[in-house]
PDB file of all heavy atoms in Angstrom:
ATOM      1  N   ALA A   1      81.067 108.932  34.791  1.00  0.00           N
ATOM      2  CA  ALA A   1      81.438 110.119  35.573  1.00  0.00           C
ATOM      3  C   ALA A   1      80.866 110.054  36.984  1.00  0.00           C
ATOM      4  O   ALA A   1      81.499 110.537  37.938  1.00  0.00           O
ATOM      5  CB  ALA A   1      80.962 111.391  34.863  1.00  0.00           C
ATOM      6  N   ASP A   2      79.690 109.462  37.145  1.00  0.00           N
ATOM      7  CA  ASP A   2      79.106 109.315  38.480  1.00  0.00           C
ATOM      8  C   ASP A   2      79.986 108.422  39.353  1.00  0.00           C
ATOM      9  O   ASP A   2      80.195 108.704  40.537  1.00  0.00           O
ATOM     10  CB  ASP A   2      77.696 108.724  38.395  1.00  0.00           C
ATOM     11  CG  ASP A   2      76.714 109.632  37.691  1.00  0.00           C
ATOM     12  OD1 ASP A   2      76.673 110.836  38.016  1.00  0.00           O
ATOM     13  OD2 ASP A   2      75.982 109.149  36.809  1.00  0.00           O
ATOM     14  N   VAL A   3      80.492 107.342  38.776  1.00  0.00           N
ATOM     15  CA  VAL A   3      81.381 106.446  39.513  1.00  0.00           C
ATOM     16  C   VAL A   3      82.664 107.191  39.885  1.00  0.00           C
ATOM     17  O   VAL A   3      83.167 107.063  41.006  1.00  0.00           O
ATOM     18  CB  VAL A   3      81.682 105.168  38.703  1.00  0.00           C
ATOM     19  CG1 VAL A   3      82.683 104.274  39.436  1.00  0.00           C
ATOM     20  CG2 VAL A   3      80.391 104.400  38.419  1.00  0.00           C
ATOM     21  N   ASN A   4      83.183 107.999  38.948  1.00  0.00           N
ATOM     22  CA  ASN A   4      84.385 108.795  39.244  1.00  0.00           C
ATOM     23  C   ASN A   4      84.136 109.764  40.393  1.00  0.00           C
ATOM     24  O   ASN A   4      85.030 109.992  41.218  1.00  0.00           O
ATOM     25  CB  ASN A   4      84.857 109.556  38.014  1.00  0.00           C
ATOM     26  CG  ASN A   4      85.320 108.656  36.892  1.00  0.00           C
ATOM     27  OD1 ASN A   4      85.106 108.955  35.727  1.00  0.00           O
ATOM     28  ND2 ASN A   4      85.934 107.528  37.221  1.00  0.00           N
ATOM     29  N   VAL A   5      82.946 110.366  40.462  1.00  0.00           N
ATOM     30  CA  VAL A   5      82.612 111.258  41.577  1.00  0.00           C
ATOM     31  C   VAL A   5      82.638 110.470  42.882  1.00  0.00           C
ATOM     32  O   VAL A   5      83.224 110.919  43.876  1.00  0.00           O
ATOM     33  CB  VAL A   5      81.235 111.929  41.370  1.00  0.00           C
ATOM     34  CG1 VAL A   5      80.769 112.621  42.644  1.00  0.00           C
ATOM     35  CG2 VAL A   5      81.290 112.926  40.217  1.00  0.00           C
ATOM     36  N   ILE A   6      82.025 109.303  42.886  1.00  0.00           N
ATOM     37  CA  ILE A   6      82.000 108.477  44.094  1.00  0.00           C
ATOM     38  C   ILE A   6      83.419 108.159  44.543  1.00  0.00           C
ATOM     39  O   ILE A   6      83.760 108.283  45.728  1.00  0.00           O
ATOM     40  CB  ILE A   6      81.204 107.176  43.858  1.00  0.00           C
ATOM     41  CG1 ILE A   6      79.729 107.500  43.576  1.00  0.00           C
ATOM     42  CG2 ILE A   6      81.351 106.225  45.050  1.00  0.00           C
ATOM     43  CD1 ILE A   6      78.939 106.339  42.995  1.00  0.00           C
ATOM     44  N   GLU A   7      84.271 107.775  43.603  1.00  0.00           N
ATOM     45  CA  GLU A   7      85.647 107.395  43.925  1.00  0.00           C
ATOM     46  C   GLU A   7      86.532 108.602  44.278  1.00  0.00           C
ATOM     47  O   GLU A   7      87.595 108.433  44.857  1.00  0.00           O
ATOM     48  CB  GLU A   7      86.264 106.642  42.747  1.00  0.00           C
ATOM     49  CG  GLU A   7      85.575 105.317  42.484  1.00  0.00           C
ATOM     50  CD  GLU A   7      86.009 104.665  41.188  1.00  0.00           C
ATOM     51  OE1 GLU A   7      86.463 105.375  40.262  1.00  0.00           O
ATOM     52  OE2 GLU A   7      85.890 103.428  41.102  1.00  0.00           O
ATOM     53  N   GLY A   8      86.085 109.804  43.898  1.00  0.00           N
ATOM     54  CA  GLY A   8      86.858 111.002  44.178  1.00  0.00           C
ATOM     55  C   GLY A   8      87.851 111.361  43.088  1.00  0.00           C
ATOM     56  O   GLY A   8      88.728 112.199  43.293  1.00  0.00           O
ATOM     57  N   SER A   9      87.712 110.742  41.906  1.00  0.00           N
ATOM     58  CA  SER A   9      88.674 110.973  40.831  1.00  0.00           C
ATOM     59  C   SER A   9      88.143 111.876  39.719  1.00  0.00           C
ATOM     60  O   SER A   9      88.845 112.099  38.735  1.00  0.00           O
ATOM     61  CB  SER A   9      89.115 109.630  40.225  1.00  0.00           C
ATOM     62  OG  SER A   9      88.011 108.958  39.640  1.00  0.00           O
ATOM     63  N   TYR A  10      86.933 112.401  39.867  1.00  0.00           N
ATOM     64  CA  TYR A  10      86.367 113.276  38.846  1.00  0.00           C
ATOM     65  C   TYR A  10      86.954 114.672  39.002  1.00  0.00           C
ATOM     66  O   TYR A  10      87.360 115.069  40.098  1.00  0.00           O
ATOM     67  CB  TYR A  10      84.837 113.308  38.972  1.00  0.00           C
ATOM     68  CG  TYR A  10      84.134 113.895  37.779  1.00  0.00           C
ATOM     69  CD1 TYR A  10      84.126 113.231  36.560  1.00  0.00           C
ATOM     70  CD2 TYR A  10      83.487 115.111  37.859  1.00  0.00           C
ATOM     71  CE1 TYR A  10      83.486 113.763  35.450  1.00  0.00           C
ATOM     72  CE2 TYR A  10      82.835 115.659  36.754  1.00  0.00           C
ATOM     73  CZ  TYR A  10      82.837 114.977  35.552  1.00  0.00           C
ATOM     74  OH  TYR A  10      82.211 115.510  34.456  1.00  0.00           O
ATOM     75  N   GLY A  11      86.991 115.437  37.923  1.00  0.00           N
ATOM     76  CA  GLY A  11      87.596 116.764  37.944  1.00  0.00           C
ATOM     77  C   GLY A  11      86.942 117.743  38.895  1.00  0.00           C
ATOM     78  O   GLY A  11      87.602 118.544  39.543  1.00  0.00           O
ATOM     79  N   ARG A  12      85.613 117.712  39.004  1.00  0.00           N
ATOM     80  CA  ARG A  12      84.884 118.634  39.883  1.00  0.00           C
ATOM     81  C   ARG A  12      84.062 117.793  40.860  1.00  0.00           C
ATOM     82  O   ARG A  12      83.141 117.095  40.449  1.00  0.00           O
ATOM     83  CB  ARG A  12      83.971 119.523  39.027  1.00  0.00           C
ATOM     84  CG  ARG A  12      83.442 120.722  39.766  1.00  0.00           C
ATOM     85  CD  ARG A  12      82.724 121.669  38.834  1.00  0.00           C
ATOM     86  NE  ARG A  12      81.343 121.219  38.698  1.00  0.00           N
ATOM     87  CZ  ARG A  12      80.547 121.550  37.695  1.00  0.00           C
ATOM     88  NH1 ARG A  12      80.960 122.299  36.726  1.00  0.00           N
ATOM     89  NH2 ARG A  12      79.311 121.117  37.659  1.00  0.00           N
ATOM     90  N   LEU A  13      84.382 117.881  42.135  1.00  0.00           N
ATOM     91  CA  LEU A  13      83.718 117.055  43.143  1.00  0.00           C
ATOM     92  C   LEU A  13      82.758 117.888  43.979  1.00  0.00           C
ATOM     93  O   LEU A  13      83.012 119.056  44.262  1.00  0.00           O
ATOM     94  CB  LEU A  13      84.770 116.406  44.055  1.00  0.00           C
ATOM     95  CG  LEU A  13      85.733 115.447  43.354  1.00  0.00           C
ATOM     96  CD1 LEU A  13      86.824 115.002  44.310  1.00  0.00           C
ATOM     97  CD2 LEU A  13      84.991 114.247  42.787  1.00  0.00           C
ATOM     98  N   PRO A  14      81.641 117.263  44.396  1.00  0.00           N
ATOM     99  CA  PRO A  14      80.676 117.984  45.225  1.00  0.00           C
ATOM    100  C   PRO A  14      81.165 118.137  46.659  1.00  0.00           C
ATOM    101  O   PRO A  14      82.032 117.396  47.127  1.00  0.00           O
ATOM    102  CB  PRO A  14      79.437 117.075  45.183  1.00  0.00           C
ATOM    103  CG  PRO A  14      80.009 115.704  45.014  1.00  0.00           C
ATOM    104  CD  PRO A  14      81.225 115.882  44.125  1.00  0.00           C
ATOM    105  N   VAL A  15      80.582 119.103  47.347  1.00  0.00           N
ATOM    106  CA  VAL A  15      80.801 119.248  48.781  1.00  0.00           C
ATOM    107  C   VAL A  15      80.063 118.094  49.456  1.00  0.00           C
ATOM    108  O   VAL A  15      78.921 117.788  49.107  1.00  0.00           O
ATOM    109  CB  VAL A  15      80.268 120.618  49.271  1.00  0.00           C
ATOM    110  CG1 VAL A  15      80.357 120.718  50.783  1.00  0.00           C
ATOM    111  CG2 VAL A  15      81.008 121.753  48.583  1.00  0.00           C
ATOM    112  N   LEU A  16      80.725 117.444  50.397  1.00  0.00           N
ATOM    113  CA  LEU A  16      80.131 116.283  51.069  1.00  0.00           C
ATOM    114  C   LEU A  16      79.461 116.693  52.375  1.00  0.00           C
ATOM    115  O   LEU A  16      79.913 117.634  53.021  1.00  0.00           O
ATOM    116  CB  LEU A  16      81.211 115.241  51.345  1.00  0.00           C
ATOM    117  CG  LEU A  16      81.921 114.703  50.107  1.00  0.00           C
ATOM    118  CD1 LEU A  16      82.991 113.700  50.512  1.00  0.00           C
ATOM    119  CD2 LEU A  16      80.939 114.065  49.131  1.00  0.00           C
ATOM    120  N   PRO A  17      78.417 116.000  52.784  1.00  0.00           N
ATOM    121  CA  PRO A  17      77.755 114.901  52.082  1.00  0.00           C
ATOM    122  C   PRO A  17      77.029 115.407  50.838  1.00  0.00           C
ATOM    123  O   PRO A  17      76.652 116.578  50.770  1.00  0.00           O
ATOM    124  CB  PRO A  17      76.763 114.351  53.113  1.00  0.00           C
ATOM    125  CG  PRO A  17      76.484 115.496  54.011  1.00  0.00           C
ATOM    126  CD  PRO A  17      77.742 116.333  54.037  1.00  0.00           C
ATOM    127  N   ALA A  18      76.860 114.505  49.869  1.00  0.00           N
ATOM    128  CA  ALA A  18      76.254 114.910  48.604  1.00  0.00           C
ATOM    129  C   ALA A  18      75.324 113.837  48.061  1.00  0.00           C
ATOM    130  O   ALA A  18      75.579 112.644  48.212  1.00  0.00           O
ATOM    131  CB  ALA A  18      77.341 115.182  47.573  1.00  0.00           C
ATOM    132  N   THR A  19      74.251 114.301  47.437  1.00  0.00           N
ATOM    133  CA  THR A  19      73.385 113.413  46.669  1.00  0.00           C
ATOM    134  C   THR A  19      74.043 113.250  45.308  1.00  0.00           C
ATOM    135  O   THR A  19      74.484 114.220  44.694  1.00  0.00           O
ATOM    136  CB  THR A  19      71.974 113.998  46.524  1.00  0.00           C
ATOM    137  OG1 THR A  19      71.404 114.133  47.826  1.00  0.00           O
ATOM    138  CG2 THR A  19      71.080 113.106  45.685  1.00  0.00           C
ATOM    139  N   LEU A  20      74.115 112.027  44.844  1.00  0.00           N
ATOM    140  CA  LEU A  20      74.795 111.708  43.589  1.00  0.00           C
ATOM    141  C   LEU A  20      73.897 111.913  42.381  1.00  0.00           C
ATOM    142  O   LEU A  20      72.696 112.113  42.503  1.00  0.00           O
ATOM    143  CB  LEU A  20      75.280 110.258  43.639  1.00  0.00           C
ATOM    144  CG  LEU A  20      76.270 109.968  44.761  1.00  0.00           C
ATOM    145  CD1 LEU A  20      76.444 108.468  44.930  1.00  0.00           C
ATOM    146  CD2 LEU A  20      77.593 110.647  44.479  1.00  0.00           C
ATOM    147  N   GLY A  21      74.481 111.800  41.203  1.00  0.00           N
ATOM    148  CA  GLY A  21      73.748 111.838  39.945  1.00  0.00           C
ATOM    149  C   GLY A  21      73.955 113.116  39.165  1.00  0.00           C
ATOM    150  O   GLY A  21      73.682 114.201  39.659  1.00  0.00           O
ATOM    151  N   ASN A  22      74.465 112.977  37.939  1.00  0.00           N
ATOM    152  CA  ASN A  22      74.743 114.115  37.080  1.00  0.00           C
ATOM    153  C   ASN A  22      73.707 114.328  35.989  1.00  0.00           C
ATOM    154  O   ASN A  22      73.754 115.346  35.302  1.00  0.00           O
ATOM    155  CB  ASN A  22      76.120 113.951  36.421  1.00  0.00           C
ATOM    156  CG  ASN A  22      77.237 114.148  37.410  1.00  0.00           C
ATOM    157  OD1 ASN A  22      77.310 115.169  38.067  1.00  0.00           O
ATOM    158  ND2 ASN A  22      78.110 113.173  37.531  1.00  0.00           N
ATOM    159  N   GLU A  23      72.828 113.386  35.782  1.00  0.00           N
ATOM    160  CA  GLU A  23      71.804 113.508  34.739  1.00  0.00           C
ATOM    161  C   GLU A  23      70.474 113.021  35.280  1.00  0.00           C
ATOM    162  O   GLU A  23      70.419 112.339  36.284  1.00  0.00           O
ATOM    163  CB  GLU A  23      72.161 112.639  33.519  1.00  0.00           C
ATOM    164  CG  GLU A  23      73.193 113.201  32.619  1.00  0.00           C
ATOM    165  CD  GLU A  23      73.276 112.421  31.325  1.00  0.00           C
ATOM    166  OE1 GLU A  23      73.587 111.216  31.364  1.00  0.00           O
ATOM    167  OE2 GLU A  23      73.045 113.032  30.271  1.00  0.00           O
ATOM    168  N   GLY A  24      69.417 113.339  34.547  1.00  0.00           N
ATOM    169  CA  GLY A  24      68.103 112.849  34.914  1.00  0.00           C
ATOM    170  C   GLY A  24      67.006 113.717  34.340  1.00  0.00           C
ATOM    171  O   GLY A  24      67.263 114.721  33.672  1.00  0.00           O
ATOM    172  N   VAL A  25      65.784 113.296  34.621  1.00  0.00           N
ATOM    173  CA  VAL A  25      64.614 114.049  34.187  1.00  0.00           C
ATOM    174  C   VAL A  25      63.564 113.962  35.287  1.00  0.00           C
ATOM    175  O   VAL A  25      63.431 112.949  35.965  1.00  0.00           O
ATOM    176  CB  VAL A  25      64.063 113.521  32.837  1.00  0.00           C
ATOM    177  CG1 VAL A  25      63.547 112.091  32.959  1.00  0.00           C
ATOM    178  CG2 VAL A  25      62.975 114.423  32.293  1.00  0.00           C
ATOM    179  N   GLY A  26      62.858 115.068  35.467  1.00  0.00           N
ATOM    180  CA  GLY A  26      61.811 115.106  36.477  1.00  0.00           C
ATOM    181  C   GLY A  26      60.741 116.105  36.104  1.00  0.00           C
ATOM    182  O   GLY A  26      60.820 116.781  35.070  1.00  0.00           O
ATOM    183  N   VAL A  27      59.739 116.192  36.959  1.00  0.00           N
ATOM    184  CA  VAL A  27      58.610 117.095  36.733  1.00  0.00           C
ATOM    185  C   VAL A  27      58.540 118.087  37.891  1.00  0.00           C
ATOM    186  O   VAL A  27      58.620 117.694  39.058  1.00  0.00           O
ATOM    187  CB  VAL A  27      57.294 116.298  36.627  1.00  0.00           C
ATOM    188  CG1 VAL A  27      56.101 117.227  36.510  1.00  0.00           C
ATOM    189  CG2 VAL A  27      57.338 115.349  35.445  1.00  0.00           C
ATOM    190  N   VAL A  28      58.398 119.349  37.561  1.00  0.00           N
ATOM    191  CA  VAL A  28      58.284 120.393  38.579  1.00  0.00           C
ATOM    192  C   VAL A  28      56.986 120.175  39.363  1.00  0.00           C
ATOM    193  O   VAL A  28      55.915 120.005  38.783  1.00  0.00           O
ATOM    194  CB  VAL A  28      58.291 121.797  37.936  1.00  0.00           C
ATOM    195  CG1 VAL A  28      58.010 122.873  38.978  1.00  0.00           C
ATOM    196  CG2 VAL A  28      59.625 122.054  37.232  1.00  0.00           C
ATOM    197  N   GLU A  29      57.112 120.175  40.697  1.00  0.00           N
ATOM    198  CA  GLU A  29      55.942 120.038  41.575  1.00  0.00           C
ATOM    199  C   GLU A  29      55.508 121.365  42.168  1.00  0.00           C
ATOM    200  O   GLU A  29      54.333 121.591  42.385  1.00  0.00           O
ATOM    201  CB  GLU A  29      56.249 119.077  42.721  1.00  0.00           C
ATOM    202  CG  GLU A  29      56.347 117.636  42.328  1.00  0.00           C
ATOM    203  CD  GLU A  29      56.436 116.737  43.548  1.00  0.00           C
ATOM    204  OE1 GLU A  29      57.072 117.115  44.557  1.00  0.00           O
ATOM    205  OE2 GLU A  29      55.846 115.651  43.489  1.00  0.00           O
ATOM    206  N   ALA A  30      56.479 122.212  42.487  1.00  0.00           N
ATOM    207  CA  ALA A  30      56.180 123.500  43.126  1.00  0.00           C
ATOM    208  C   ALA A  30      57.322 124.458  42.827  1.00  0.00           C
ATOM    209  O   ALA A  30      58.448 124.032  42.573  1.00  0.00           O
ATOM    210  CB  ALA A  30      56.028 123.315  44.637  1.00  0.00           C
ATOM    211  N   VAL A  31      57.007 125.751  42.874  1.00  0.00           N
ATOM    212  CA  VAL A  31      58.036 126.764  42.638  1.00  0.00           C
ATOM    213  C   VAL A  31      57.940 127.855  43.695  1.00  0.00           C
ATOM    214  O   VAL A  31      56.880 128.120  44.248  1.00  0.00           O
ATOM    215  CB  VAL A  31      57.915 127.398  41.228  1.00  0.00           C
ATOM    216  CG1 VAL A  31      58.137 126.360  40.149  1.00  0.00           C
ATOM    217  CG2 VAL A  31      56.587 128.090  41.036  1.00  0.00           C
ATOM    218  N   GLY A  32      59.084 128.478  43.954  1.00  0.00           N
ATOM    219  CA  GLY A  32      59.128 129.632  44.831  1.00  0.00           C
ATOM    220  C   GLY A  32      58.924 130.897  44.021  1.00  0.00           C
ATOM    221  O   GLY A  32      58.814 130.860  42.788  1.00  0.00           O
ATOM    222  N   PRO A  33      58.896 132.037  44.694  1.00  0.00           N
ATOM    223  CA  PRO A  33      58.734 133.314  43.993  1.00  0.00           C
ATOM    224  C   PRO A  33      59.871 133.568  43.004  1.00  0.00           C
ATOM    225  O   PRO A  33      61.008 133.164  43.236  1.00  0.00           O
ATOM    226  CB  PRO A  33      58.766 134.351  45.122  1.00  0.00           C
ATOM    227  CG  PRO A  33      58.532 133.587  46.379  1.00  0.00           C
ATOM    228  CD  PRO A  33      58.990 132.186  46.140  1.00  0.00           C
ATOM    229  N   GLY A  34      59.541 134.201  41.890  1.00  0.00           N
ATOM    230  CA  GLY A  34      60.543 134.604  40.917  1.00  0.00           C
ATOM    231  C   GLY A  34      61.026 133.511  39.996  1.00  0.00           C
ATOM    232  O   GLY A  34      62.103 133.617  39.426  1.00  0.00           O
ATOM    233  N   VAL A  35      60.226 132.463  39.830  1.00  0.00           N
ATOM    234  CA  VAL A  35      60.615 131.341  38.967  1.00  0.00           C
ATOM    235  C   VAL A  35      59.665 131.269  37.784  1.00  0.00           C
ATOM    236  O   VAL A  35      58.449 131.314  37.969  1.00  0.00           O
ATOM    237  CB  VAL A  35      60.578 130.009  39.757  1.00  0.00           C
ATOM    238  CG1 VAL A  35      60.849 128.823  38.860  1.00  0.00           C
ATOM    239  CG2 VAL A  35      61.573 130.062  40.905  1.00  0.00           C
ATOM    240  N   ASP A  36      60.213 131.137  36.558  1.00  0.00           N
ATOM    241  CA  ASP A  36      59.333 131.062  35.393  1.00  0.00           C
ATOM    242  C   ASP A  36      58.945 129.635  35.030  1.00  0.00           C
ATOM    243  O   ASP A  36      58.201 129.409  34.084  1.00  0.00           O
ATOM    244  CB  ASP A  36      59.921 131.803  34.188  1.00  0.00           C
ATOM    245  CG  ASP A  36      61.082 131.083  33.530  1.00  0.00           C
ATOM    246  OD1 ASP A  36      61.552 130.066  34.071  1.00  0.00           O
ATOM    247  OD2 ASP A  36      61.517 131.536  32.459  1.00  0.00           O
ATOM    248  N   LEU A  37      59.430 128.648  35.769  1.00  0.00           N
ATOM    249  CA  LEU A  37      58.955 127.277  35.589  1.00  0.00           C
ATOM    250  C   LEU A  37      57.578 127.154  36.219  1.00  0.00           C
ATOM    251  O   LEU A  37      57.224 127.924  37.119  1.00  0.00           O
ATOM    252  CB  LEU A  37      59.917 126.286  36.249  1.00  0.00           C
ATOM    253  CG  LEU A  37      61.325 126.216  35.665  1.00  0.00           C
ATOM    254  CD1 LEU A  37      62.225 125.395  36.580  1.00  0.00           C
ATOM    255  CD2 LEU A  37      61.289 125.631  34.264  1.00  0.00           C
ATOM    256  N   ARG A  38      56.824 126.158  35.776  1.00  0.00           N
ATOM    257  CA  ARG A  38      55.483 125.926  36.301  1.00  0.00           C
ATOM    258  C   ARG A  38      55.333 124.468  36.725  1.00  0.00           C
ATOM    259  O   ARG A  38      55.959 123.580  36.128  1.00  0.00           O
ATOM    260  CB  ARG A  38      54.417 126.235  35.239  1.00  0.00           C
ATOM    261  CG  ARG A  38      54.436 127.665  34.724  1.00  0.00           C
ATOM    262  CD  ARG A  38      53.888 128.618  35.798  1.00  0.00           C
ATOM    263  NE  ARG A  38      54.045 130.004  35.409  1.00  0.00           N
ATOM    264  CZ  ARG A  38      54.947 130.840  35.902  1.00  0.00           C
ATOM    265  NH1 ARG A  38      55.800 130.438  36.803  1.00  0.00           N
ATOM    266  NH2 ARG A  38      55.019 132.090  35.501  1.00  0.00           N
ATOM    267  N   PRO A  39      54.497 124.186  37.726  1.00  0.00           N
ATOM    268  CA  PRO A  39      54.212 122.791  38.055  1.00  0.00           C
ATOM    269  C   PRO A  39      53.759 122.041  36.801  1.00  0.00           C
ATOM    270  O   PRO A  39      52.978 122.552  36.008  1.00  0.00           O
ATOM    271  CB  PRO A  39      53.096 122.888  39.098  1.00  0.00           C
ATOM    272  CG  PRO A  39      53.367 124.209  39.777  1.00  0.00           C
ATOM    273  CD  PRO A  39      53.826 125.116  38.643  1.00  0.00           C
ATOM    274  N   GLY A  40      54.315 120.857  36.634  1.00  0.00           N
ATOM    275  CA  GLY A  40      54.020 120.042  35.455  1.00  0.00           C
ATOM    276  C   GLY A  40      55.079 120.143  34.376  1.00  0.00           C
ATOM    277  O   GLY A  40      55.120 119.301  33.468  1.00  0.00           O
ATOM    278  N   ASP A  41      55.964 121.156  34.435  1.00  0.00           N
ATOM    279  CA  ASP A  41      57.032 121.272  33.446  1.00  0.00           C
ATOM    280  C   ASP A  41      58.013 120.111  33.581  1.00  0.00           C
ATOM    281  O   ASP A  41      58.394 119.725  34.697  1.00  0.00           O
ATOM    282  CB  ASP A  41      57.828 122.572  33.618  1.00  0.00           C
ATOM    283  CG  ASP A  41      57.128 123.801  33.070  1.00  0.00           C
ATOM    284  OD1 ASP A  41      56.114 123.648  32.354  1.00  0.00           O
ATOM    285  OD2 ASP A  41      57.599 124.921  33.362  1.00  0.00           O
ATOM    286  N   LEU A  42      58.435 119.580  32.442  1.00  0.00           N
ATOM    287  CA  LEU A  42      59.470 118.560  32.394  1.00  0.00           C
ATOM    288  C   LEU A  42      60.815 119.282  32.430  1.00  0.00           C
ATOM    289  O   LEU A  42      61.033 120.230  31.668  1.00  0.00           O
ATOM    290  CB  LEU A  42      59.325 117.758  31.096  1.00  0.00           C
ATOM    291  CG  LEU A  42      60.146 116.488  30.942  1.00  0.00           C
ATOM    292  CD1 LEU A  42      59.669 115.436  31.944  1.00  0.00           C
ATOM    293  CD2 LEU A  42      60.013 115.955  29.517  1.00  0.00           C
ATOM    294  N   VAL A  43      61.722 118.859  33.323  1.00  0.00           N
ATOM    295  CA  VAL A  43      63.007 119.540  33.461  1.00  0.00           C
ATOM    296  C   VAL A  43      64.152 118.546  33.595  1.00  0.00           C
ATOM    297  O   VAL A  43      63.963 117.404  33.998  1.00  0.00           O
ATOM    298  CB  VAL A  43      63.035 120.501  34.672  1.00  0.00           C
ATOM    299  CG1 VAL A  43      62.079 121.665  34.489  1.00  0.00           C
ATOM    300  CG2 VAL A  43      62.755 119.763  35.968  1.00  0.00           C
ATOM    301  N   ARG A  44      65.346 119.062  33.270  1.00  0.00           N
ATOM    302  CA  ARG A  44      66.586 118.312  33.434  1.00  0.00           C
ATOM    303  C   ARG A  44      67.461 119.069  34.424  1.00  0.00           C
ATOM    304  O   ARG A  44      67.824 120.220  34.176  1.00  0.00           O
ATOM    305  CB  ARG A  44      67.305 118.207  32.090  1.00  0.00           C
ATOM    306  CG  ARG A  44      68.663 117.534  32.191  1.00  0.00           C
ATOM    307  CD  ARG A  44      69.371 117.486  30.856  1.00  0.00           C
ATOM    308  NE  ARG A  44      69.824 118.771  30.364  1.00  0.00           N
ATOM    309  CZ  ARG A  44      70.933 119.399  30.753  1.00  0.00           C
ATOM    310  NH1 ARG A  44      71.684 118.887  31.695  1.00  0.00           N
ATOM    311  NH2 ARG A  44      71.285 120.552  30.227  1.00  0.00           N
ATOM    312  N   PRO A  45      67.799 118.456  35.568  1.00  0.00           N
ATOM    313  CA  PRO A  45      68.731 119.103  36.486  1.00  0.00           C
ATOM    314  C   PRO A  45      70.124 119.131  35.857  1.00  0.00           C
ATOM    315  O   PRO A  45      70.487 118.241  35.106  1.00  0.00           O
ATOM    316  CB  PRO A  45      68.731 118.213  37.723  1.00  0.00           C
ATOM    317  CG  PRO A  45      67.706 117.189  37.514  1.00  0.00           C
ATOM    318  CD  PRO A  45      67.310 117.198  36.089  1.00  0.00           C
TER     319      PRO A  45
END
């Protein structure tokens, strides 16, 4: 699906310019007001 996004053939395309990638895992570093996540939480965008 990522390749389809790059080629422009995926059903839902991002507004360009765009950072690619539909899956992944990361760790929260900082949060703004009104967020129940905490630094150190493992998250999936």
